[in-house]
C-alpha atoms as a PDB file:
ATOM      1  CA  UNK A   1       0.000   0.000   0.000  1.00  0.00           C
ATOM      2  CA  UNK A   2       1.132   3.466  -0.784  1.00  0.00           C
ATOM      3  CA  UNK A   3       2.121   5.669   2.088  1.00  0.00           C
ATOM      4  CA  UNK A   4      -0.056   8.784   2.732  1.00  0.00           C
ATOM      5  CA  UNK A   5       1.632  12.117   2.309  1.00  0.00           C
ATOM      6  CA  UNK A   6       2.698  13.697   5.487  1.00  0.00           C
ATOM      7  CA  UNK A   7       0.550  16.730   6.465  1.00  0.00           C
ATOM      8  CA  UNK A   8       2.313  19.735   7.896  1.00  0.00           C
ATOM      9  CA  UNK A   9       1.946  20.288  11.542  1.00  0.00           C
ATOM     10  CA  UNK A  10      -0.947  22.569  12.267  1.00  0.00           C
ATOM     11  CA  UNK A  11       0.525  23.779  15.502  1.00  0.00           C
ATOM     12  CA  UNK A  12       3.598  25.267  13.884  1.00  0.00           C
ATOM     13  CA  UNK A  13       1.639  27.042  11.143  1.00  0.00           C
ATOM     14  CA  UNK A  14      -0.773  28.546  13.635  1.00  0.00           C
ATOM     15  CA  UNK A  15       2.015  30.060  15.689  1.00  0.00           C
ATOM     16  CA  UNK A  16       3.326  32.391  12.930  1.00  0.00           C
ATOM     17  CA  UNK A  17       0.216  34.517  12.167  1.00  0.00           C
ATOM     18  CA  UNK A  18      -0.106  35.926  15.708  1.00  0.00           C
ATOM     19  CA  UNK A  19       3.542  37.040  15.692  1.00  0.00           C
ATOM     20  CA  UNK A  20       3.147  38.932  12.418  1.00  0.00           C
ATOM     21  CA  UNK A  21      -0.020  40.648  13.670  1.00  0.00           C
ATOM     22  CA  UNK A  22       1.687  41.829  16.813  1.00  0.00           C
ATOM     23  CA  UNK A  23       4.515  43.355  14.840  1.00  0.00           C
ATOM     24  CA  UNK A  24       2.103  45.216  12.599  1.00  0.00           C
ATOM     25  CA  UNK A  25       0.164  46.563  15.587  1.00  0.00           C
ATOM     26  CA  UNK A  26       3.372  47.775  17.226  1.00  0.00           C
ATOM     27  CA  UNK A  27       4.383  49.583  14.037  1.00  0.00           C
ATOM     28  CA  UNK A  28       0.993  51.286  13.806  1.00  0.00           C
ATOM     29  CA  UNK A  29       1.197  52.479  17.413  1.00  0.00           C
ATOM     30  CA  UNK A  30       4.645  53.873  16.780  1.00  0.00           C
ATOM     31  CA  UNK A  31       3.400  55.833  13.776  1.00  0.00           C
ATOM     32  CA  UNK A  32       0.487  57.272  15.807  1.00  0.00           C
ATOM     33  CA  UNK A  33       2.799  58.385  18.574  1.00  0.00           C
ATOM     34  CA  UNK A  34       5.227  59.934  16.088  1.00  0.00           C
ATOM     35  CA  UNK A  35       2.504  61.884  14.205  1.00  0.00           C
ATOM     36  CA  UNK A  36       1.694  64.447  16.971  1.00  0.00           C
ATOM     37  CA  UNK A  37       5.358  65.137  17.562  1.00  0.00           C
ATOM     38  CA  UNK A  38       5.907  65.863  13.877  1.00  0.00           C
ATOM     39  CA  UNK A  39       2.886  68.078  13.653  1.00  0.00           C
ATOM     40  CA  UNK A  40       3.871  69.998  16.797  1.00  0.00           C
ATOM     41  CA  UNK A  41       7.231  71.027  15.386  1.00  0.00           C
ATOM     42  CA  UNK A  42       5.845  73.159  12.520  1.00  0.00           C
ATOM     43  CA  UNK A  43       3.552  74.955  14.981  1.00  0.00           C
ATOM     44  CA  UNK A  44       6.461  75.866  17.205  1.00  0.00           C
ATOM     45  CA  UNK A  45       8.531  77.023  14.239  1.00  0.00           C
ATOM     46  CA  UNK A  46       5.710  79.303  12.906  1.00  0.00           C
ATOM     47  CA  UNK A  47       5.353  81.266  16.177  1.00  0.00           C
ATOM     48  CA  UNK A  48       9.105  81.722  16.407  1.00  0.00           C
ATOM     49  CA  UNK A  49       9.119  83.328  12.944  1.00  0.00           C
ATOM     50  CA  UNK A  50       6.738  86.115  14.124  1.00  0.00           C
ATOM     51  CA  UNK A  51       8.636  86.937  17.317  1.00  0.00           C
ATOM     52  CA  UNK A  52      10.903  89.649  15.715  1.00  0.00           C
ATOM     53  CA  UNK A  53       7.883  91.383  14.137  1.00  0.00           C
ATOM     54  CA  UNK A  54       5.943  91.387  17.409  1.00  0.00           C
ATOM     55  CA  UNK A  55       8.969  92.722  19.243  1.00  0.00           C
ATOM     56  CA  UNK A  56       9.395  95.543  16.707  1.00  0.00           C
ATOM     57  CA  UNK A  57       5.721  96.581  17.009  1.00  0.00           C
ATOM     58  CA  UNK A  58       5.919  96.687  20.796  1.00  0.00           C
ATOM     59  CA  UNK A  59       9.356  98.276  21.161  1.00  0.00           C
ATOM     60  CA  UNK A  60       9.060 101.018  18.464  1.00  0.00           C
ATOM     61  CA  UNK A  61       6.527 103.235  20.329  1.00  0.00           C
ATOM     62  CA  UNK A  62       8.394 102.817  23.590  1.00  0.00           C
ATOM     63  CA  UNK A  63      11.672 103.793  21.929  1.00  0.00           C
ATOM     64  CA  UNK A  64      10.099 106.877  20.296  1.00  0.00           C
ATOM     65  CA  UNK A  65       8.647 108.011  23.609  1.00  0.00           C
ATOM     66  CA  UNK A  66      11.987 107.528  25.367  1.00  0.00           C
ATOM     67  CA  UNK A  67      13.861 109.595  22.739  1.00  0.00           C
ATOM     68  CA  UNK A  68      11.339 112.437  22.956  1.00  0.00           C
ATOM     69  CA  UNK A  69      11.215 112.405  26.757  1.00  0.00           C
ATOM     70  CA  UNK A  70      14.895 112.071  27.587  1.00  0.00           C
ATOM     71  CA  UNK A  71      16.668 113.565  24.527  1.00  0.00           C
ATOM     72  CA  UNK A  72      14.519 116.132  22.711  1.00  0.00           C
ATOM     73  CA  UNK A  73      12.640 117.637  25.645  1.00  0.00           C
ATOM     74  CA  UNK A  74      15.775 118.446  27.721  1.00  0.00           C
ATOM     75  CA  UNK A  75      17.387 120.179  24.714  1.00  0.00           C
ATOM     76  CA  UNK A  76      14.233 122.228  24.080  1.00  0.00           C
ATOM     77  CA  UNK A  77      14.020 123.260  27.733  1.00  0.00           C
ATOM     78  CA  UNK A  78      17.662 124.373  27.665  1.00  0.00           C
ATOM     79  CA  UNK A  79      17.054 126.552  24.615  1.00  0.00           C
ATOM     80  CA  UNK A  80      13.971 128.144  26.179  1.00  0.00           C
ATOM     81  CA  UNK A  81      15.691 128.761  29.492  1.00  0.00           C
ATOM     82  CA  UNK A  82      18.891 130.109  27.922  1.00  0.00           C
ATOM     83  CA  UNK A  83      19.402 133.778  28.939  1.00  0.00           C
ATOM     84  CA  UNK A  84      19.369 136.437  26.226  1.00  0.00           C
ATOM     85  CA  UNK A  85      22.625 138.307  25.836  1.00  0.00           C
ATOM     86  CA  UNK A  86      21.730 142.017  26.129  1.00  0.00           C
ATOM     87  CA  UNK A  87      24.845 143.046  24.219  1.00  0.00           C
ATOM     88  CA  UNK A  88      23.950 140.825  21.259  1.00  0.00           C
ATOM     89  CA  UNK A  89      20.364 142.075  21.276  1.00  0.00           C
ATOM     90  CA  UNK A  90      21.560 145.672  21.362  1.00  0.00           C
ATOM     91  CA  UNK A  91      23.909 145.005  18.457  1.00  0.00           C
ATOM     92  CA  UNK A  92      21.084 143.531  16.374  1.00  0.00           C
ATOM     93  CA  UNK A  93      18.797 146.424  17.265  1.00  0.00           C
ATOM     94  CA  UNK A  94      21.457 148.923  16.317  1.00  0.00           C
ATOM     95  CA  UNK A  95      22.050 147.179  12.998  1.00  0.00           C
ATOM     96  CA  UNK A  96      18.322 147.361  12.247  1.00  0.00           C
ATOM     97  CA  UNK A  97      18.108 151.045  13.133  1.00  0.00           C
ATOM     98  CA  UNK A  98      21.138 152.057  11.059  1.00  0.00           C
ATOM     99  CA  UNK A  99      19.360 151.814   7.641  1.00  0.00           C
ATOM    100  CA  UNK A 100      16.334 153.665   9.047  1.00  0.00           C
ATOM    101  CA  UNK A 101      18.520 156.466  10.369  1.00  0.00           C
ATOM    102  CA  UNK A 102      20.286 156.686   7.031  1.00  0.00           C
ATOM    103  CA  UNK A 103      16.938 156.921   5.237  1.00  0.00           C
ATOM    104  CA  UNK A 104      15.784 159.668   7.573  1.00  0.00           C
ATOM    105  CA  UNK A 105      19.001 161.592   6.958  1.00  0.00           C
ATOM    106  CA  UNK A 106      18.470 161.335   3.210  1.00  0.00           C
ATOM    107  CA  UNK A 107      14.856 162.402   3.606  1.00  0.00           C
ATOM    108  CA  UNK A 108      15.940 165.450   5.590  1.00  0.00           C
ATOM    109  CA  UNK A 109      18.359 166.445   2.869  1.00  0.00           C
ATOM    110  CA  UNK A 110      15.682 166.123   0.201  1.00  0.00           C
ATOM    111  CA  UNK A 111      13.291 168.218   2.273  1.00  0.00           C
ATOM    112  CA  UNK A 112      15.881 170.951   2.559  1.00  0.00           C
ATOM    113  CA  UNK A 113      16.791 170.698  -1.109  1.00  0.00           C
ATOM    114  CA  UNK A 114      14.237 169.701  -3.722  1.00  0.00           C
ATOM    115  CA  UNK A 115      11.166 170.112  -1.465  1.00  0.00           C
ATOM    116  CA  UNK A 116      12.327 173.148   0.431  1.00  0.00           C
ATOM    117  CA  UNK A 117      10.003 175.364  -1.560  1.00  0.00           C
ATOM    118  CA  UNK A 118       7.035 173.408  -0.251  1.00  0.00           C
ATOM    119  CA  UNK A 119       7.877 174.407   3.315  1.00  0.00           C
ATOM    120  CA  UNK A 120       8.402 178.031   2.312  1.00  0.00           C
ATOM    121  CA  UNK A 121       5.093 178.136   0.478  1.00  0.00           C
ATOM    122  CA  UNK A 122       3.258 176.651   3.445  1.00  0.00           C
ATOM    123  CA  UNK A 123       4.766 179.235   5.777  1.00  0.00           C
ATOM    124  CA  UNK A 124       3.664 182.204   3.710  1.00  0.00           C
ATOM    125  CA  UNK A 125       0.226 180.821   2.780  1.00  0.00           C
ATOM    126  CA  UNK A 126       1.036 180.178  -0.879  1.00  0.00           C
ATOM    127  CA  UNK A 127      -0.568 176.718  -0.914  1.00  0.00           C
ATOM    128  CA  UNK A 128      -3.911 175.152  -1.719  1.00  0.00           C
ATOM    129  CA  UNK A 129      -4.902 171.506  -1.154  1.00  0.00           C
ATOM    130  CA  UNK A 130      -7.281 169.377  -3.212  1.00  0.00           C
ATOM    131  CA  UNK A 131      -8.652 166.404  -1.264  1.00  0.00           C
ATOM    132  CA  UNK A 132     -10.466 163.257  -2.462  1.00  0.00           C
ATOM    133  CA  UNK A 133     -10.726 164.180  -6.127  1.00  0.00           C
ATOM    134  CA  UNK A 134     -12.388 161.274  -7.997  1.00  0.00           C
ATOM    135  CA  UNK A 135     -12.831 161.211 -11.781  1.00  0.00           C
ATOM    136  CA  UNK A 136     -13.734 158.586 -14.394  1.00  0.00           C
ATOM    137  CA  UNK A 137     -10.944 157.757 -16.797  1.00  0.00           C
ATOM    138  CA  UNK A 138     -11.428 158.412 -20.516  1.00  0.00           C
ATOM    139  CA  UNK A 139     -12.314 155.394 -22.643  1.00  0.00           C
ATOM    140  CA  UNK A 140     -13.356 153.132 -19.767  1.00  0.00           C
ATOM    141  CA  UNK A 141     -17.144 153.659 -19.950  1.00  0.00           C
ATOM    142  CA  UNK A 142     -17.165 154.611 -16.275  1.00  0.00           C
ATOM    143  CA  UNK A 143     -15.641 151.297 -15.140  1.00  0.00           C
ATOM    144  CA  UNK A 144     -12.256 152.710 -14.088  1.00  0.00           C
ATOM    145  CA  UNK A 145     -11.522 155.839 -12.132  1.00  0.00           C
ATOM    146  CA  UNK A 146      -8.731 157.855 -10.536  1.00  0.00           C
ATOM    147  CA  UNK A 147      -8.791 158.939  -6.913  1.00  0.00           C
ATOM    148  CA  UNK A 148      -6.183 161.507  -5.927  1.00  0.00           C
ATOM    149  CA  UNK A 149      -5.257 164.262  -3.501  1.00  0.00           C
ATOM    150  CA  UNK A 150      -2.529 166.863  -3.977  1.00  0.00           C
ATOM    151  CA  UNK A 151      -1.098 170.146  -2.748  1.00  0.00           C
ATOM    152  CA  UNK A 152      -0.639 173.136  -5.025  1.00  0.00           C
ATOM    153  CA  UNK A 153       2.226 175.469  -4.091  1.00  0.00           C
ATOM    154  CA  UNK A 154       3.719 178.686  -5.413  1.00  0.00           C
ATOM    155  CA  UNK A 155       5.696 181.759  -4.401  1.00  0.00           C
ATOM    156  CA  UNK A 156       2.802 184.158  -4.763  1.00  0.00           C
ATOM    157  CA  UNK A 157       1.274 184.826  -1.338  1.00  0.00           C
ATOM    158  CA  UNK A 158      -2.133 185.387  -2.952  1.00  0.00           C
ATOM    159  CA  UNK A 159      -2.292 181.780  -4.248  1.00  0.00           C
ATOM    160  CA  UNK A 160      -4.548 180.444  -1.500  1.00  0.00           C
ATOM    161  CA  UNK A 161      -6.862 183.402  -1.615  1.00  0.00           C
ATOM    162  CA  UNK A 162      -7.083 183.182  -5.404  1.00  0.00           C
ATOM    163  CA  UNK A 163      -7.985 179.474  -5.327  1.00  0.00           C
ATOM    164  CA  UNK A 164     -10.546 179.914  -2.540  1.00  0.00           C
ATOM    165  CA  UNK A 165     -12.177 182.826  -4.335  1.00  0.00           C
ATOM    166  CA  UNK A 166     -12.482 180.754  -7.520  1.00  0.00           C
ATOM    167  CA  UNK A 167     -12.976 177.350  -5.921  1.00  0.00           C
ATOM    168  CA  UNK A 168     -15.785 176.020  -8.192  1.00  0.00           C
ATOM    169  CA  UNK A 169     -13.858 177.038 -11.272  1.00  0.00           C
ATOM    170  CA  UNK A 170     -10.591 175.529 -10.022  1.00  0.00           C
ATOM    171  CA  UNK A 171     -12.336 172.261  -9.140  1.00  0.00           C
ATOM    172  CA  UNK A 172     -13.891 172.131 -12.607  1.00  0.00           C
ATOM    173  CA  UNK A 173     -10.507 172.738 -14.253  1.00  0.00           C
ATOM    174  CA  UNK A 174      -8.967 170.000 -12.138  1.00  0.00           C
ATOM    175  CA  UNK A 175     -11.689 167.494 -13.061  1.00  0.00           C
ATOM    176  CA  UNK A 176     -11.384 168.336 -16.775  1.00  0.00           C
ATOM    177  CA  UNK A 177      -7.624 167.755 -16.750  1.00  0.00           C
ATOM    178  CA  UNK A 178      -7.793 164.462 -14.819  1.00  0.00           C
ATOM    179  CA  UNK A 179     -10.838 163.016 -16.639  1.00  0.00           C
ATOM    180  CA  UNK A 180      -9.125 163.564 -19.991  1.00  0.00           C
ATOM    181  CA  UNK A 181      -6.543 160.941 -19.026  1.00  0.00           C
ATOM    182  CA  UNK A 182      -6.899 157.364 -20.210  1.00  0.00           C
ATOM    183  CA  UNK A 183      -5.821 154.196 -18.478  1.00  0.00           C
ATOM    184  CA  UNK A 184      -2.963 153.906 -20.959  1.00  0.00           C
ATOM    185  CA  UNK A 185      -1.777 157.416 -20.014  1.00  0.00           C
ATOM    186  CA  UNK A 186      -1.570 156.441 -16.342  1.00  0.00           C
ATOM    187  CA  UNK A 187       0.315 153.220 -17.128  1.00  0.00           C
ATOM    188  CA  UNK A 188       3.109 155.063 -18.924  1.00  0.00           C
ATOM    189  CA  UNK A 189       6.378 155.830 -17.157  1.00  0.00           C
ATOM    190  CA  UNK A 190       6.378 159.293 -15.617  1.00  0.00           C
ATOM    191  CA  UNK A 191       2.593 159.588 -15.714  1.00  0.00           C
ATOM    192  CA  UNK A 192       2.517 161.690 -12.550  1.00  0.00           C
ATOM    193  CA  UNK A 193       4.968 164.190 -13.971  1.00  0.00           C
ATOM    194  CA  UNK A 194       2.787 164.567 -17.052  1.00  0.00           C
ATOM    195  CA  UNK A 195      -0.320 165.160 -14.936  1.00  0.00           C
ATOM    196  CA  UNK A 196       1.592 167.612 -12.749  1.00  0.00           C
ATOM    197  CA  UNK A 197       2.616 169.677 -15.795  1.00  0.00           C
ATOM    198  CA  UNK A 198      -0.932 169.708 -17.161  1.00  0.00           C
ATOM    199  CA  UNK A 199      -2.391 170.928 -13.872  1.00  0.00           C
ATOM    200  CA  UNK A 200       0.228 173.658 -13.418  1.00  0.00           C
ATOM    201  CA  UNK A 201      -0.300 174.884 -16.986  1.00  0.00           C
ATOM    202  CA  UNK A 202      -4.089 174.902 -16.606  1.00  0.00           C
ATOM    203  CA  UNK A 203      -3.989 176.833 -13.318  1.00  0.00           C
ATOM    204  CA  UNK A 204      -1.524 179.456 -14.541  1.00  0.00           C
ATOM    205  CA  UNK A 205      -3.492 179.898 -17.761  1.00  0.00           C
ATOM    206  CA  UNK A 206      -6.678 180.505 -15.758  1.00  0.00           C
ATOM    207  CA  UNK A 207      -5.095 183.298 -13.711  1.00  0.00           C
ATOM    208  CA  UNK A 208      -3.159 184.714 -16.668  1.00  0.00           C
ATOM    209  CA  UNK A 209       0.157 184.585 -14.778  1.00  0.00           C
ATOM    210  CA  UNK A 210       2.549 182.145 -13.142  1.00  0.00           C
ATOM    211  CA  UNK A 211       0.953 181.671  -9.743  1.00  0.00           C
ATOM    212  CA  UNK A 212       1.547 177.904  -9.349  1.00  0.00           C
ATOM    213  CA  UNK A 213       5.048 176.448  -9.220  1.00  0.00           C
ATOM    214  CA  UNK A 214       4.547 172.833  -8.162  1.00  0.00           C
ATOM    215  CA  UNK A 215       1.989 170.118  -7.425  1.00  0.00           C
ATOM    216  CA  UNK A 216       2.666 167.423  -4.790  1.00  0.00           C
ATOM    217  CA  UNK A 217       0.520 164.256  -4.808  1.00  0.00           C
ATOM    218  CA  UNK A 218      -0.381 162.774  -1.434  1.00  0.00           C
ATOM    219  CA  UNK A 219      -2.812 160.155  -2.827  1.00  0.00           C
ATOM    220  CA  UNK A 220      -2.935 158.576  -6.267  1.00  0.00           C
ATOM    221  CA  UNK A 221      -5.044 155.449  -6.761  1.00  0.00           C
ATOM    222  CA  UNK A 222      -6.308 153.941 -10.013  1.00  0.00           C
ATOM    223  CA  UNK A 223      -9.213 151.506  -9.668  1.00  0.00           C
END
């Protein structure tokens, strides 16, 4: 009779599967334990990256306040509390007054020279003053006008009396001369000299003799 094939031992085969399952379970537990540690590291690294920015935001205002409180404010207080040197102030004041004094000296010379006749005329009554004379300028359709005031002087002692006796006529002559001027005439160089000559000529022609020597403007506004 033929011999039956030998069957493998069931006990030995059954012992291997449990060992393999235990190894797999241990590996899975190890992976689970390792997963939180790996995920925790990126979180810690992300916070550390923002630490310099947070520090800058917090420290910058404090640093600005400290500089203003302990550096700028003491310097400003020193400048405010610093005493003023009276000698330096006097020197600056004297330097400012020097040009004014020089201008006054020049003005005094001119008064004695070119305008000396005005003082003489005023002393002997040979003056007459026109105040607030307003006329429309020619060619402006009443939209532009001249406002002026001036003093008429001469060497004839009867000048004031002559003008006062003929006041309406002298005012009319003055208005006629000034209203004949155009805006272009007033914009030319030496316009006042031209007006002065016209007024003097008109006054002397009215009296038939040289009674007026000069005209001095105290107000001259074109609007």
